[in-house]
Amino acid sequence: MAYLFGTYGEDFLLGTSSNDVIYAGEGINIIDAGDGDNTIYSGSGNDEITTGSGHDTIYAGEGINIIDAGDGDNTIYSGSGNDEITTGSGHDTIYAGEGINIIDAGDGDNLIFSGSGNDEITTGSGHDTIYAGEGVNTINTGAGNDIIFSGSGDDFINAGWGQNTIWLGGGSDTIELEWGGSSEINNFNAAQDKIELGSLDAAGVKLMGLGNDTLIVMPRLSVLATLKSVDVHTVAAHSTSIFGTEMGIYTA
């Protein structure tokens, strides 16, 4: 195990293939950790951090940091700056700080906690769980079966191609549906939330009531989304504001 310490200046800290502990100083640092299971403490400067295939733990400081984590199962704590975080194919846990962060998670099964800033979160083909914070967030999910908890801000959620479960928060949220995906949407407020159909042909989309729920269906009854505990007639009455066009109710 190696211990590396930065200074108050601009440092280049090169890790080893062992399990390193790296303390960056207050300057603008470049940290290139090796393939071990590393622990990295970023300072108050604007740091660039790259890790290898090990299982790393990264504590970002107050600066504007660029973090490129490898394919291990990493844990990343973003600081108060506006950070850019990219991870690999491992199962990562990311805690976003108070800044405006850009998070590009890889294809693992990731756990992401957004902070109080306006974050942009993109996930891959894994089964991810995302907790959006208080900011106005943009969330783009991939092909996995994801669970998304929207926060108190006005969030935009691209539901992707998986079987997703979405819990909306107190803001005016927008959900974009994709062909091939099927989302369960909870806490949908027909008076303030919106649904975008993206590249889908709105003329072929219909509403269908199933018990207390509303189904959004395509031709041949392919279900794009289920609005839980929302009456179909309520959705139809607000369809122009929800979808941007009037939606009819499917009758067999």
Protein backbone atom coordinates (compact mmCIF):
# COMPACT_ATOMS: atom_id res chain seq x y z
CA MET A 1 0.00 0.00 0.00
CA ALA A 2 1.27 3.44 -0.94
CA TYR A 3 0.38 6.81 0.60
CA LEU A 4 0.60 9.84 -1.68
CA PHE A 5 0.27 13.44 -0.53
CA GLY A 6 -0.24 16.52 -2.62
CA THR A 7 1.02 20.01 -1.86
CA TYR A 8 -0.44 23.48 -2.06
CA GLY A 9 0.71 23.66 -5.65
CA GLU A 10 -0.30 21.93 -8.85
CA ASP A 11 0.54 18.25 -8.41
CA PHE A 12 0.54 15.11 -10.54
CA LEU A 13 -0.06 12.11 -8.31
CA LEU A 14 0.51 8.71 -9.91
CA GLY A 15 -0.77 5.69 -8.04
CA THR A 16 0.54 2.14 -8.11
CA SER A 17 -1.06 -1.21 -8.88
CA SER A 18 -1.50 -1.71 -5.14
CA ASN A 19 -4.20 -0.30 -2.86
CA ASP A 20 -3.28 3.37 -2.54
CA VAL A 21 -4.44 6.18 -0.28
CA ILE A 22 -4.12 9.55 -1.98
CA TYR A 23 -4.53 12.95 -0.32
CA ALA A 24 -4.63 15.77 -2.84
CA GLY A 25 -3.52 19.20 -1.73
CA GLU A 26 -5.16 22.56 -2.24
CA GLY A 27 -3.88 23.10 -5.75
CA ILE A 28 -5.17 22.05 -9.16
CA ASN A 29 -4.21 18.38 -9.22
CA ILE A 30 -4.12 15.50 -11.68
CA ILE A 31 -4.55 12.15 -9.94
CA ASP A 32 -4.04 8.92 -11.87
CA ALA A 33 -4.68 6.02 -9.52
CA GLY A 34 -3.78 2.51 -10.58
CA ASP A 35 -5.78 -0.72 -10.61
CA GLY A 36 -5.83 -1.31 -6.87
CA ASP A 37 -8.64 -0.59 -4.44
CA ASN A 38 -7.85 3.06 -3.84
CA THR A 39 -9.09 5.74 -1.48
CA ILE A 40 -8.77 9.28 -2.80
CA TYR A 41 -9.34 12.56 -0.95
CA SER A 42 -9.57 15.52 -3.29
CA GLY A 43 -8.71 18.98 -2.00
CA SER A 44 -10.22 22.40 -2.58
CA GLY A 45 -8.74 22.81 -6.05
CA ASN A 46 -10.13 21.81 -9.42
CA ASP A 47 -8.91 18.23 -9.66
CA GLU A 48 -8.89 15.61 -12.41
CA ILE A 49 -9.17 12.09 -11.00
CA THR A 50 -8.80 8.85 -12.98
CA THR A 51 -8.98 5.37 -11.48
CA GLY A 52 -8.46 1.85 -12.81
CA SER A 53 -10.28 -1.45 -12.45
CA GLY A 54 -10.21 -1.61 -8.66
CA HIS A 55 -12.97 -0.84 -6.19
CA ASP A 56 -12.30 2.79 -5.38
CA THR A 57 -13.65 5.29 -2.87
CA ILE A 58 -13.40 8.92 -3.92
CA TYR A 59 -14.12 11.97 -1.78
CA ALA A 60 -14.29 15.02 -4.04
CA GLY A 61 -13.45 18.39 -2.53
CA GLU A 62 -14.89 21.85 -3.00
CA GLY A 63 -13.45 22.45 -6.46
CA ILE A 64 -14.80 21.78 -9.93
CA ASN A 65 -13.68 18.19 -10.38
CA ILE A 66 -13.56 15.74 -13.28
CA ILE A 67 -13.81 12.15 -12.05
CA ASP A 68 -13.35 9.22 -14.43
CA ALA A 69 -13.77 6.04 -12.41
CA GLY A 70 -12.91 2.64 -13.83
CA ASP A 71 -14.81 -0.64 -14.03
CA GLY A 72 -14.70 -1.53 -10.36
CA ASP A 73 -17.51 -1.14 -7.83
CA ASN A 74 -16.82 2.45 -6.85
CA THR A 75 -18.20 4.78 -4.21
CA ILE A 76 -18.00 8.47 -5.07
CA TYR A 77 -18.85 11.44 -2.86
CA SER A 78 -19.13 14.63 -4.87
CA GLY A 79 -18.25 17.89 -3.16
CA SER A 80 -19.81 21.33 -3.30
CA GLY A 81 -18.37 22.16 -6.73
CA ASN A 82 -19.81 21.48 -10.17
CA ASP A 83 -18.42 18.01 -10.80
CA GLU A 84 -18.37 15.78 -13.86
CA ILE A 85 -18.49 12.10 -12.90
CA THR A 86 -18.11 9.16 -15.31
CA THR A 87 -18.11 5.54 -14.18
CA GLY A 88 -17.50 2.20 -15.88
CA SER A 89 -19.29 -1.14 -15.89
CA GLY A 90 -19.12 -1.74 -12.14
CA HIS A 91 -21.90 -1.38 -9.60
CA ASP A 92 -21.31 2.15 -8.38
CA THR A 93 -22.72 4.29 -5.59
CA ILE A 94 -22.64 8.02 -6.26
CA TYR A 95 -23.55 10.80 -3.83
CA ALA A 96 -23.84 14.10 -5.68
CA GLY A 97 -23.03 17.24 -3.74
CA GLU A 98 -24.50 20.72 -3.76
CA GLY A 99 -23.11 21.73 -7.15
CA ILE A 100 -24.48 21.39 -10.66
CA ASN A 101 -23.20 17.93 -11.52
CA ILE A 102 -23.04 15.85 -14.69
CA ILE A 103 -23.15 12.13 -13.89
CA ASP A 104 -22.67 9.51 -16.61
CA ALA A 105 -23.01 6.14 -14.91
CA GLY A 106 -21.95 3.02 -16.77
CA ASP A 107 -23.69 -0.28 -17.39
CA GLY A 108 -23.61 -1.61 -13.85
CA ASP A 109 -26.42 -1.65 -11.31
CA ASN A 110 -25.85 1.80 -9.87
CA LEU A 111 -27.20 3.68 -6.87
CA ILE A 112 -27.25 7.45 -7.37
CA PHE A 113 -28.24 10.18 -4.93
CA SER A 114 -28.64 13.60 -6.51
CA GLY A 115 -27.84 16.65 -4.40
CA SER A 116 -29.42 20.07 -4.12
CA GLY A 117 -28.07 21.31 -7.46
CA ASN A 118 -29.50 20.97 -10.95
CA ASP A 119 -27.95 17.65 -11.95
CA GLU A 120 -27.85 15.78 -15.25
CA ILE A 121 -27.84 12.01 -14.72
CA THR A 122 -27.42 9.40 -17.46
CA THR A 123 -27.41 5.65 -16.83
CA GLY A 124 -26.60 2.61 -18.96
CA SER A 125 -28.04 -0.86 -19.38
CA GLY A 126 -27.94 -1.86 -15.72
CA HIS A 127 -30.74 -1.83 -13.17
CA ASP A 128 -30.28 1.53 -11.47
CA THR A 129 -31.86 3.29 -8.52
CA ILE A 130 -31.86 7.08 -8.62
CA TYR A 131 -32.93 9.50 -5.89
CA ALA A 132 -33.30 12.99 -7.34
CA GLY A 133 -32.62 15.90 -5.00
CA GLU A 134 -34.14 19.34 -4.62
CA GLY A 135 -32.83 20.77 -7.89
CA VAL A 136 -34.24 20.83 -11.41
CA ASN A 137 -32.77 17.58 -12.66
CA THR A 138 -32.50 15.84 -16.03
CA ILE A 139 -32.50 12.04 -15.78
CA ASN A 140 -31.85 9.84 -18.82
CA THR A 141 -32.21 6.13 -18.16
CA GLY A 142 -30.97 3.29 -20.34
CA ALA A 143 -32.18 -0.20 -21.16
CA GLY A 144 -32.22 -1.53 -17.60
CA ASN A 145 -35.15 -1.81 -15.22
CA ASP A 146 -34.68 1.34 -13.18
CA ILE A 147 -36.28 2.81 -10.06
CA ILE A 148 -36.45 6.61 -9.98
CA PHE A 149 -37.55 8.84 -7.12
CA SER A 150 -38.11 12.40 -8.31
CA GLY A 151 -37.39 15.19 -5.86
CA SER A 152 -39.09 18.47 -5.07
CA GLY A 153 -37.84 20.24 -8.21
CA ASP A 154 -39.26 20.25 -11.73
CA ASP A 155 -37.51 17.20 -13.13
CA PHE A 156 -37.25 15.84 -16.67
CA ILE A 157 -37.12 12.04 -16.86
CA ASN A 158 -36.42 10.11 -20.05
CA ALA A 159 -37.80 6.69 -19.16
CA GLY A 160 -35.63 4.74 -21.60
CA TRP A 161 -36.31 1.22 -22.84
CA GLY A 162 -36.55 -0.75 -19.61
CA GLN A 163 -39.34 -1.71 -17.23
CA ASN A 164 -39.08 1.30 -14.95
CA THR A 165 -40.78 2.34 -11.74
CA ILE A 166 -41.00 6.10 -11.25
CA TRP A 167 -42.13 7.94 -8.13
CA LEU A 168 -42.79 11.61 -8.82
CA GLY A 169 -42.12 14.31 -6.23
CA GLY A 170 -43.69 17.67 -5.51
CA GLY A 171 -42.50 19.51 -8.62
CA SER A 172 -43.99 19.84 -12.09
CA ASP A 173 -42.29 16.89 -13.72
CA THR A 174 -42.01 15.80 -17.35
CA ILE A 175 -41.63 12.15 -18.37
CA GLU A 176 -40.53 11.24 -21.88
CA LEU A 177 -41.61 7.78 -23.02
CA GLU A 178 -39.70 5.64 -25.50
CA TRP A 179 -40.77 2.84 -27.80
CA GLY A 180 -39.91 -0.49 -26.19
CA GLY A 181 -40.07 0.80 -22.64
CA SER A 182 -42.88 0.34 -20.14
CA SER A 183 -42.96 2.48 -17.02
CA GLU A 184 -45.05 2.44 -13.89
CA ILE A 185 -45.54 6.06 -12.82
CA ASN A 186 -46.67 6.83 -9.28
CA ASN A 187 -47.92 10.11 -7.80
CA PHE A 188 -48.73 11.52 -11.24
CA ASN A 189 -50.57 14.84 -10.94
CA ALA A 190 -52.74 15.40 -14.00
CA ALA A 191 -52.98 19.11 -13.20
CA GLN A 192 -49.22 19.82 -13.33
CA ASP A 193 -47.15 16.90 -14.68
CA LYS A 194 -46.52 16.30 -18.37
CA ILE A 195 -45.72 13.38 -20.66
CA GLU A 196 -43.71 13.68 -23.86
CA LEU A 197 -43.94 11.01 -26.55
CA GLY A 198 -40.60 11.80 -28.16
CA SER A 199 -40.36 10.19 -31.58
CA LEU A 200 -43.60 8.26 -31.09
CA ASP A 201 -46.61 9.06 -33.26
CA ALA A 202 -49.16 10.64 -30.94
CA ALA A 203 -51.96 9.72 -33.34
CA GLY A 204 -51.49 6.05 -32.47
CA VAL A 205 -51.43 6.52 -28.71
CA LYS A 206 -54.59 5.95 -26.69
CA LEU A 207 -55.66 5.95 -23.06
CA MET A 208 -57.18 2.92 -21.38
CA GLY A 209 -58.70 2.56 -17.94
CA LEU A 210 -57.78 -0.47 -15.85
CA GLY A 211 -59.30 -0.32 -12.39
CA ASN A 212 -58.07 2.90 -10.77
CA ASP A 213 -55.14 3.18 -13.19
CA THR A 214 -54.63 4.76 -16.60
CA LEU A 215 -52.71 2.86 -19.26
CA ILE A 216 -50.98 4.69 -22.10
CA VAL A 217 -51.08 2.24 -24.98
CA MET A 218 -49.78 1.94 -28.52
CA PRO A 219 -51.38 -0.05 -31.36
CA ARG A 220 -51.84 -3.75 -30.52
CA LEU A 221 -52.14 -2.63 -26.89
CA SER A 222 -48.43 -2.30 -26.21
CA VAL A 223 -48.33 -0.52 -22.83
CA LEU A 224 -45.97 2.46 -22.76
CA ALA A 225 -46.80 3.49 -19.21
CA THR A 226 -49.19 2.93 -16.35
CA LEU A 227 -50.31 5.95 -14.33
CA LYS A 228 -51.05 4.43 -10.95
CA SER A 229 -54.21 5.53 -9.11
CA VAL A 230 -55.14 8.12 -11.75
CA ASP A 231 -58.58 7.83 -13.35
CA VAL A 232 -58.56 7.62 -17.14
CA HIS A 233 -61.26 10.27 -17.48
CA THR A 234 -59.18 12.72 -15.41
CA VAL A 235 -56.20 12.13 -17.70
CA ALA A 236 -58.36 12.51 -20.82
CA ALA A 237 -59.78 15.80 -19.52
CA HIS A 238 -56.24 17.17 -19.06
CA SER A 239 -54.73 15.42 -22.08
CA THR A 240 -54.00 18.61 -24.02
CA SER A 241 -51.89 20.03 -21.20
CA ILE A 242 -50.35 16.65 -20.35
CA PHE A 243 -49.47 15.43 -23.84
CA GLY A 244 -49.71 18.61 -25.89
CA THR A 245 -52.55 17.05 -27.87
CA GLU A 246 -55.99 15.64 -27.16
CA MET A 247 -56.00 11.93 -26.33
CA GLY A 248 -58.90 9.57 -26.83
CA ILE A 249 -59.94 6.72 -24.56
CA TYR A 250 -59.57 3.25 -26.07
CA THR A 251 -62.77 1.22 -26.16
CA ALA A 252 -62.81 -2.40 -27.30
